[in-house]
Amino acid sequence: MNHTWYVTFEVPTDGTLSRRRHPRLTKTFATEAEAKDFARTKFNDGLIVTAGTIIPHLPRVSIPSVEIPAWLEPRGQVDPDQ
């Protein structure tokens, strides 16, 4: 399977790890829809999430954590607070 999208998310601390800085995990996905579904779950759990396309996939897409809420909105739907 050719994965072109990734989602990186912080690992919640459970107190058993020795003071690692911001431990993160990354999962890869074949489609943007699959990546969004996974990212939405992690974001709704209160975790910091970033996403994007894997190099050399074009066009290159990088979604920083501050843009994740807008990326997760259904297409055509605009946030009325903006």
PDB file of N, CA and C in Angstrom:
ATOM      1  N   MET A   1       0.846  -1.175   0.000  1.00  0.00           N
ATOM      2  CA  MET A   1       0.000   0.000   0.000  1.00  0.00           C
ATOM      3  C   MET A   1       0.895   1.242   0.000  1.00  0.00           C
ATOM      4  N   ASN A   2       0.584   2.208  -0.838  1.00  0.00           N
ATOM      5  CA  ASN A   2       1.363   3.428  -0.961  1.00  0.00           C
ATOM      6  C   ASN A   2       0.792   4.506  -0.043  1.00  0.00           C
ATOM      7  N   HIS A   3       1.465   4.768   1.053  1.00  0.00           N
ATOM      8  CA  HIS A   3       1.000   5.779   1.995  1.00  0.00           C
ATOM      9  C   HIS A   3       1.555   7.139   1.586  1.00  0.00           C
ATOM     10  N   THR A   4       0.683   8.140   1.518  1.00  0.00           N
ATOM     11  CA  THR A   4       1.108   9.472   1.123  1.00  0.00           C
ATOM     12  C   THR A   4       0.846  10.522   2.195  1.00  0.00           C
ATOM     13  N   TRP A   5       0.107  10.194   3.240  1.00  0.00           N
ATOM     14  CA  TRP A   5      -0.211  11.142   4.309  1.00  0.00           C
ATOM     15  C   TRP A   5       0.333  10.647   5.642  1.00  0.00           C
ATOM     16  N   TYR A   6       0.697  11.587   6.505  1.00  0.00           N
ATOM     17  CA  TYR A   6       1.121  11.237   7.858  1.00  0.00           C
ATOM     18  C   TYR A   6       0.372  12.099   8.863  1.00  0.00           C
ATOM     19  N   VAL A   7       0.247  11.583  10.072  1.00  0.00           N
ATOM     20  CA  VAL A   7      -0.284  12.343  11.204  1.00  0.00           C
ATOM     21  C   VAL A   7       0.664  12.082  12.367  1.00  0.00           C
ATOM     22  N   THR A   8       1.168  13.158  12.955  1.00  0.00           N
ATOM     23  CA  THR A   8       2.034  13.066  14.118  1.00  0.00           C
ATOM     24  C   THR A   8       1.257  13.621  15.304  1.00  0.00           C
ATOM     25  N   PHE A   9       1.378  12.933  16.443  1.00  0.00           N
ATOM     26  CA  PHE A   9       0.630  13.368  17.625  1.00  0.00           C
ATOM     27  C   PHE A   9       1.465  13.141  18.863  1.00  0.00           C
ATOM     28  N   GLU A  10       1.209  13.969  19.872  1.00  0.00           N
ATOM     29  CA  GLU A  10       1.937  13.816  21.126  1.00  0.00           C
ATOM     30  C   GLU A  10       1.447  12.577  21.860  1.00  0.00           C
ATOM     31  N   VAL A  11       2.347  11.943  22.562  1.00  0.00           N
ATOM     32  CA  VAL A  11       1.998  10.773  23.362  1.00  0.00           C
ATOM     33  C   VAL A  11       1.647  11.273  24.757  1.00  0.00           C
ATOM     34  N   PRO A  12       0.447  10.959  25.231  1.00  0.00           N
ATOM     35  CA  PRO A  12       0.082  11.413  26.574  1.00  0.00           C
ATOM     36  C   PRO A  12       1.025  10.812  27.609  1.00  0.00           C
ATOM     37  N   THR A  13       1.428  11.625  28.557  1.00  0.00           N
ATOM     38  CA  THR A  13       2.307  11.112  29.609  1.00  0.00           C
ATOM     39  C   THR A  13       1.476  10.366  30.635  1.00  0.00           C
ATOM     40  N   ASP A  14       2.013   9.242  31.055  1.00  0.00           N
ATOM     41  CA  ASP A  14       1.311   8.455  32.079  1.00  0.00           C
ATOM     42  C   ASP A  14       2.114   8.390  33.368  1.00  0.00           C
ATOM     43  N   GLY A  15       3.229   9.134  33.390  1.00  0.00           N
ATOM     44  CA  GLY A  15       4.028   9.188  34.603  1.00  0.00           C
ATOM     45  C   GLY A  15       5.063   8.091  34.707  1.00  0.00           C
ATOM     46  N   THR A  16       5.076   7.132  33.767  1.00  0.00           N
ATOM     47  CA  THR A  16       6.029   6.033  33.866  1.00  0.00           C
ATOM     48  C   THR A  16       7.285   6.269  33.036  1.00  0.00           C
ATOM     49  N   LEU A  17       7.237   7.203  32.095  1.00  0.00           N
ATOM     50  CA  LEU A  17       8.407   7.477  31.279  1.00  0.00           C
ATOM     51  C   LEU A  17       9.338   8.432  32.001  1.00  0.00           C
ATOM     52  N   SER A  18      10.622   8.244  31.772  1.00  0.00           N
ATOM     53  CA  SER A  18      11.574   9.168  32.379  1.00  0.00           C
ATOM     54  C   SER A  18      11.625  10.447  31.551  1.00  0.00           C
ATOM     55  N   ARG A  19      11.271  11.510  32.029  1.00  0.00           N
ATOM     56  CA  ARG A  19      11.263  12.874  31.529  1.00  0.00           C
ATOM     57  C   ARG A  19      11.678  13.071  30.075  1.00  0.00           C
ATOM     58  N   ARG A  20      11.084  12.357  29.150  1.00  0.00           N
ATOM     59  CA  ARG A  20      11.320  12.590  27.733  1.00  0.00           C
ATOM     60  C   ARG A  20      10.626  13.872  27.334  1.00  0.00           C
ATOM     61  N   ARG A  21      11.225  14.612  26.424  1.00  0.00           N
ATOM     62  CA  ARG A  21      10.602  15.846  25.959  1.00  0.00           C
ATOM     63  C   ARG A  21       9.592  15.557  24.871  1.00  0.00           C
ATOM     64  N   HIS A  22       8.403  15.977  25.060  1.00  0.00           N
ATOM     65  CA  HIS A  22       7.352  15.919  24.047  1.00  0.00           C
ATOM     66  C   HIS A  22       7.402  14.643  23.201  1.00  0.00           C
ATOM     67  N   PRO A  23       7.250  13.485  23.806  1.00  0.00           N
ATOM     68  CA  PRO A  23       7.265  12.262  22.993  1.00  0.00           C
ATOM     69  C   PRO A  23       6.132  12.275  21.973  1.00  0.00           C
ATOM     70  N   ARG A  24       6.453  11.878  20.749  1.00  0.00           N
ATOM     71  CA  ARG A  24       5.475  11.916  19.655  1.00  0.00           C
ATOM     72  C   ARG A  24       5.528  10.604  18.886  1.00  0.00           C
ATOM     73  N   LEU A  25       4.418  10.287  18.271  1.00  0.00           N
ATOM     74  CA  LEU A  25       4.324   9.131  17.385  1.00  0.00           C
ATOM     75  C   LEU A  25       3.768   9.594  16.049  1.00  0.00           C
ATOM     76  N   THR A  26       4.080   8.857  14.997  1.00  0.00           N
ATOM     77  CA  THR A  26       3.591   9.174  13.662  1.00  0.00           C
ATOM     78  C   THR A  26       2.970   7.935  13.042  1.00  0.00           C
ATOM     79  N   LYS A  27       1.816   8.117  12.403  1.00  0.00           N
ATOM     80  CA  LYS A  27       1.171   7.049  11.632  1.00  0.00           C
ATOM     81  C   LYS A  27       1.030   7.542  10.202  1.00  0.00           C
ATOM     82  N   THR A  28       1.063   6.601   9.253  1.00  0.00           N
ATOM     83  CA  THR A  28       0.915   6.963   7.851  1.00  0.00           C
ATOM     84  C   THR A  28      -0.376   6.385   7.295  1.00  0.00           C
ATOM     85  N   PHE A  29      -0.894   7.056   6.235  1.00  0.00           N
ATOM     86  CA  PHE A  29      -2.185   6.701   5.659  1.00  0.00           C
ATOM     87  C   PHE A  29      -2.140   6.814   4.143  1.00  0.00           C
ATOM     88  N   ALA A  30      -2.987   6.052   3.486  1.00  0.00           N
ATOM     89  CA  ALA A  30      -3.053   6.066   2.024  1.00  0.00           C
ATOM     90  C   ALA A  30      -3.806   7.274   1.504  1.00  0.00           C
ATOM     91  N   THR A  31      -4.779   7.778   2.268  1.00  0.00           N
ATOM     92  CA  THR A  31      -5.612   8.875   1.781  1.00  0.00           C
ATOM     93  C   THR A  31      -5.699   9.996   2.814  1.00  0.00           C
ATOM     94  N   GLU A  32      -6.043  11.174   2.326  1.00  0.00           N
ATOM     95  CA  GLU A  32      -6.235  12.315   3.216  1.00  0.00           C
ATOM     96  C   GLU A  32      -7.423  12.069   4.138  1.00  0.00           C
ATOM     97  N   ALA A  33      -8.466  11.430   3.635  1.00  0.00           N
ATOM     98  CA  ALA A  33      -9.656  11.154   4.455  1.00  0.00           C
ATOM     99  C   ALA A  33      -9.303  10.272   5.655  1.00  0.00           C
ATOM    100  N   GLU A  34      -8.492   9.239   5.436  1.00  0.00           N
ATOM    101  CA  GLU A  34      -8.069   8.374   6.538  1.00  0.00           C
ATOM    102  C   GLU A  34      -7.230   9.157   7.547  1.00  0.00           C
ATOM    103  N   ALA A  35      -6.346  10.008   7.033  1.00  0.00           N
ATOM    104  CA  ALA A  35      -5.502  10.827   7.906  1.00  0.00           C
ATOM    105  C   ALA A  35      -6.366  11.772   8.738  1.00  0.00           C
ATOM    106  N   LYS A  36      -7.356  12.385   8.106  1.00  0.00           N
ATOM    107  CA  LYS A  36      -8.248  13.307   8.825  1.00  0.00           C
ATOM    108  C   LYS A  36      -9.033  12.589   9.920  1.00  0.00           C
ATOM    109  N   ASP A  37      -9.544  11.410   9.619  1.00  0.00           N
ATOM    110  CA  ASP A  37     -10.306  10.657  10.623  1.00  0.00           C
ATOM    111  C   ASP A  37      -9.442  10.367  11.844  1.00  0.00           C
ATOM    112  N   PHE A  38      -8.219   9.919  11.608  1.00  0.00           N
ATOM    113  CA  PHE A  38      -7.310   9.609  12.708  1.00  0.00           C
ATOM    114  C   PHE A  38      -6.937  10.886  13.463  1.00  0.00           C
ATOM    115  N   ALA A  39      -6.602  11.949  12.721  1.00  0.00           N
ATOM    116  CA  ALA A  39      -6.219  13.216  13.350  1.00  0.00           C
ATOM    117  C   ALA A  39      -7.367  13.775  14.192  1.00  0.00           C
ATOM    118  N   ARG A  40      -8.586  13.653  13.689  1.00  0.00           N
ATOM    119  CA  ARG A  40      -9.760  14.151  14.420  1.00  0.00           C
ATOM    120  C   ARG A  40      -9.887  13.435  15.766  1.00  0.00           C
ATOM    121  N   THR A  41      -9.667  12.140  15.765  1.00  0.00           N
ATOM    122  CA  THR A  41      -9.747  11.362  17.011  1.00  0.00           C
ATOM    123  C   THR A  41      -8.710  11.845  18.019  1.00  0.00           C
ATOM    124  N   LYS A  42      -7.480  12.000  17.572  1.00  0.00           N
ATOM    125  CA  LYS A  42      -6.411  12.445  18.475  1.00  0.00           C
ATOM    126  C   LYS A  42      -6.643  13.889  18.933  1.00  0.00           C
ATOM    127  N   PHE A  43      -7.082  14.754  18.006  1.00  0.00           N
ATOM    128  CA  PHE A  43      -7.360  16.152  18.343  1.00  0.00           C
ATOM    129  C   PHE A  43      -8.491  16.232  19.367  1.00  0.00           C
ATOM    130  N   ASN A  44      -9.543  15.447  19.183  1.00  0.00           N
ATOM    131  CA  ASN A  44     -10.662  15.435  20.126  1.00  0.00           C
ATOM    132  C   ASN A  44     -10.271  14.876  21.486  1.00  0.00           C
ATOM    133  N   ASP A  45      -9.189  14.086  21.527  1.00  0.00           N
ATOM    134  CA  ASP A  45      -8.652  13.585  22.796  1.00  0.00           C
ATOM    135  C   ASP A  45      -7.810  14.646  23.500  1.00  0.00           C
ATOM    136  N   GLY A  46      -7.643  15.808  22.857  1.00  0.00           N
ATOM    137  CA  GLY A  46      -6.898  16.902  23.471  1.00  0.00           C
ATOM    138  C   GLY A  46      -5.407  16.877  23.184  1.00  0.00           C
ATOM    139  N   LEU A  47      -4.987  16.074  22.208  1.00  0.00           N
ATOM    140  CA  LEU A  47      -3.562  15.977  21.898  1.00  0.00           C
ATOM    141  C   LEU A  47      -3.164  16.995  20.832  1.00  0.00           C
ATOM    142  N   ILE A  48      -1.893  17.365  20.821  1.00  0.00           N
ATOM    143  CA  ILE A  48      -1.362  18.245  19.783  1.00  0.00           C
ATOM    144  C   ILE A  48      -1.084  17.394  18.557  1.00  0.00           C
ATOM    145  N   VAL A  49      -1.635  17.809  17.407  1.00  0.00           N
ATOM    146  CA  VAL A  49      -1.576  17.015  16.174  1.00  0.00           C
ATOM    147  C   VAL A  49      -1.007  17.874  15.044  1.00  0.00           C
ATOM    148  N   THR A  50      -0.171  17.273  14.196  1.00  0.00           N
ATOM    149  CA  THR A  50       0.268  17.883  12.946  1.00  0.00           C
ATOM    150  C   THR A  50       0.074  16.834  11.855  1.00  0.00           C
ATOM    151  N   ALA A  51       0.045  17.269  10.605  1.00  0.00           N
ATOM    152  CA  ALA A  51      -0.188  16.327   9.507  1.00  0.00           C
ATOM    153  C   ALA A  51       0.440  16.861   8.227  1.00  0.00           C
ATOM    154  N   GLY A  52       0.471  16.010   7.216  1.00  0.00           N
ATOM    155  CA  GLY A  52       0.970  16.436   5.916  1.00  0.00           C
ATOM    156  C   GLY A  52       1.179  15.267   4.986  1.00  0.00           C
ATOM    157  N   THR A  53       1.775  15.582   3.833  1.00  0.00           N
ATOM    158  CA  THR A  53       2.084  14.543   2.859  1.00  0.00           C
ATOM    159  C   THR A  53       3.532  14.115   3.031  1.00  0.00           C
ATOM    160  N   ILE A  54       3.787  12.870   2.677  1.00  0.00           N
ATOM    161  CA  ILE A  54       5.124  12.298   2.795  1.00  0.00           C
ATOM    162  C   ILE A  54       5.912  12.630   1.538  1.00  0.00           C
ATOM    163  N   ILE A  55       7.151  13.083   1.723  1.00  0.00           N
ATOM    164  CA  ILE A  55       8.031  13.361   0.585  1.00  0.00           C
ATOM    165  C   ILE A  55       8.296  12.041  -0.114  1.00  0.00           C
ATOM    166  N   PRO A  56       8.216  11.874  -1.405  1.00  0.00           N
ATOM    167  CA  PRO A  56       8.221  12.874  -2.459  1.00  0.00           C
ATOM    168  C   PRO A  56       6.836  13.170  -3.028  1.00  0.00           C
ATOM    169  N   HIS A  57       5.766  12.866  -2.304  1.00  0.00           N
ATOM    170  CA  HIS A  57       4.410  13.113  -2.810  1.00  0.00           C
ATOM    171  C   HIS A  57       4.221  14.597  -3.112  1.00  0.00           C
ATOM    172  N   LEU A  58       3.665  14.881  -4.258  1.00  0.00           N
ATOM    173  CA  LEU A  58       3.373  16.264  -4.665  1.00  0.00           C
ATOM    174  C   LEU A  58       1.888  16.419  -4.897  1.00  0.00           C
ATOM    175  N   PRO A  59       1.254  17.503  -4.601  1.00  0.00           N
ATOM    176  CA  PRO A  59       1.875  18.685  -4.020  1.00  0.00           C
ATOM    177  C   PRO A  59       2.189  18.461  -2.550  1.00  0.00           C
ATOM    178  N   ARG A  60       3.251  19.082  -2.081  1.00  0.00           N
ATOM    179  CA  ARG A  60       3.676  18.961  -0.692  1.00  0.00           C
ATOM    180  C   ARG A  60       2.705  19.727   0.184  1.00  0.00           C
ATOM    181  N   VAL A  61       2.187  19.069   1.214  1.00  0.00           N
ATOM    182  CA  VAL A  61       1.240  19.685   2.138  1.00  0.00           C
ATOM    183  C   VAL A  61       1.766  19.497   3.554  1.00  0.00           C
ATOM    184  N   SER A  62       1.751  20.568   4.326  1.00  0.00           N
ATOM    185  CA  SER A  62       2.151  20.513   5.723  1.00  0.00           C
ATOM    186  C   SER A  62       1.116  21.282   6.535  1.00  0.00           C
ATOM    187  N   ILE A  63       0.513  20.613   7.514  1.00  0.00           N
ATOM    188  CA  ILE A  63      -0.520  21.239   8.330  1.00  0.00           C
ATOM    189  C   ILE A  63      -0.003  21.333   9.765  1.00  0.00           C
ATOM    190  N   PRO A  64       0.390  22.549  10.191  1.00  0.00           N
ATOM    191  CA  PRO A  64       0.851  22.707  11.573  1.00  0.00           C
ATOM    192  C   PRO A  64      -0.310  22.579  12.555  1.00  0.00           C
ATOM    193  N   SER A  65       0.011  22.407  13.813  1.00  0.00           N
ATOM    194  CA  SER A  65      -1.021  22.169  14.825  1.00  0.00           C
ATOM    195  C   SER A  65      -2.051  23.287  14.899  1.00  0.00           C
ATOM    196  N   VAL A  66      -1.650  24.530  14.662  1.00  0.00           N
ATOM    197  CA  VAL A  66      -2.614  25.636  14.757  1.00  0.00           C
ATOM    198  C   VAL A  66      -3.622  25.624  13.614  1.00  0.00           C
ATOM    199  N   GLU A  67      -3.326  24.926  12.514  1.00  0.00           N
ATOM    200  CA  GLU A  67      -4.240  24.856  11.374  1.00  0.00           C
ATOM    201  C   GLU A  67      -5.060  23.559  11.334  1.00  0.00           C
ATOM    202  N   ILE A  68      -4.824  22.665  12.264  1.00  0.00           N
ATOM    203  CA  ILE A  68      -5.547  21.384  12.288  1.00  0.00           C
ATOM    204  C   ILE A  68      -7.061  21.582  12.401  1.00  0.00           C
ATOM    205  N   PRO A  69      -7.581  22.464  13.284  1.00  0.00           N
ATOM    206  CA  PRO A  69      -9.043  22.607  13.364  1.00  0.00           C
ATOM    207  C   PRO A  69      -9.677  22.984  12.022  1.00  0.00           C
ATOM    208  N   ALA A  70      -9.070  23.897  11.280  1.00  0.00           N
ATOM    209  CA  ALA A  70      -9.617  24.292   9.979  1.00  0.00           C
ATOM    210  C   ALA A  70      -9.521  23.149   8.976  1.00  0.00           C
ATOM    211  N   TRP A  71      -8.442  22.383   9.011  1.00  0.00           N
ATOM    212  CA  TRP A  71      -8.254  21.253   8.103  1.00  0.00           C
ATOM    213  C   TRP A  71      -9.298  20.169   8.362  1.00  0.00           C
ATOM    214  N   LEU A  72      -9.688  20.014   9.620  1.00  0.00           N
ATOM    215  CA  LEU A  72     -10.641  18.964   9.978  1.00  0.00           C
ATOM    216  C   LEU A  72     -12.085  19.331   9.658  1.00  0.00           C
ATOM    217  N   GLU A  73     -12.381  20.611   9.394  1.00  0.00           N
ATOM    218  CA  GLU A  73     -13.742  21.020   9.058  1.00  0.00           C
ATOM    219  C   GLU A  73     -14.137  20.441   7.707  1.00  0.00           C
ATOM    220  N   PRO A  74     -15.399  20.058   7.566  1.00  0.00           N
ATOM    221  CA  PRO A  74     -15.864  19.569   6.265  1.00  0.00           C
ATOM    222  C   PRO A  74     -15.676  20.639   5.200  1.00  0.00           C
ATOM    223  N   ARG A  75     -15.341  20.215   3.984  1.00  0.00           N
ATOM    224  CA  ARG A  75     -15.129  21.169   2.879  1.00  0.00           C
ATOM    225  C   ARG A  75     -16.386  22.005   2.666  1.00  0.00           C
ATOM    226  N   GLY A  76     -16.178  23.294   2.413  1.00  0.00           N
ATOM    227  CA  GLY A  76     -17.299  24.189   2.161  1.00  0.00           C
ATOM    228  C   GLY A  76     -17.903  24.786   3.416  1.00  0.00           C
ATOM    229  N   GLN A  77     -17.498  24.285   4.574  1.00  0.00           N
ATOM    230  CA  GLN A  77     -18.029  24.815   5.821  1.00  0.00           C
ATOM    231  C   GLN A  77     -17.011  25.797   6.378  1.00  0.00           C
ATOM    232  N   VAL A  78     -17.460  27.008   6.694  1.00  0.00           N
ATOM    233  CA  VAL A  78     -16.576  28.050   7.185  1.00  0.00           C
ATOM    234  C   VAL A  78     -16.896  28.308   8.647  1.00  0.00           C
ATOM    235  N   ASP A  79     -15.843  28.460   9.442  1.00  0.00           N
ATOM    236  CA  ASP A  79     -16.006  28.760  10.867  1.00  0.00           C
ATOM    237  C   ASP A  79     -16.550  30.182  11.009  1.00  0.00           C
ATOM    238  N   PRO A  80     -17.715  30.364  11.621  1.00  0.00           N
ATOM    239  CA  PRO A  80     -18.311  31.694  11.728  1.00  0.00           C
ATOM    240  C   PRO A  80     -17.524  32.631  12.636  1.00  0.00           C
ATOM    241  N   ASP A  81     -16.628  32.114  13.468  1.00  0.00           N
ATOM    242  CA  ASP A  81     -15.836  32.947  14.377  1.00  0.00           C
ATOM    243  C   ASP A  81     -14.653  33.600  13.680  1.00  0.00           C
ATOM    244  N   GLN A  82     -14.408  33.296  12.414  1.00  0.00           N
ATOM    245  CA  GLN A  82     -13.235  33.865  11.730  1.00  0.00           C
ATOM    246  C   GLN A  82     -13.619  34.980  10.837  1.00  0.00           C
TER     247      GLN A  82
END
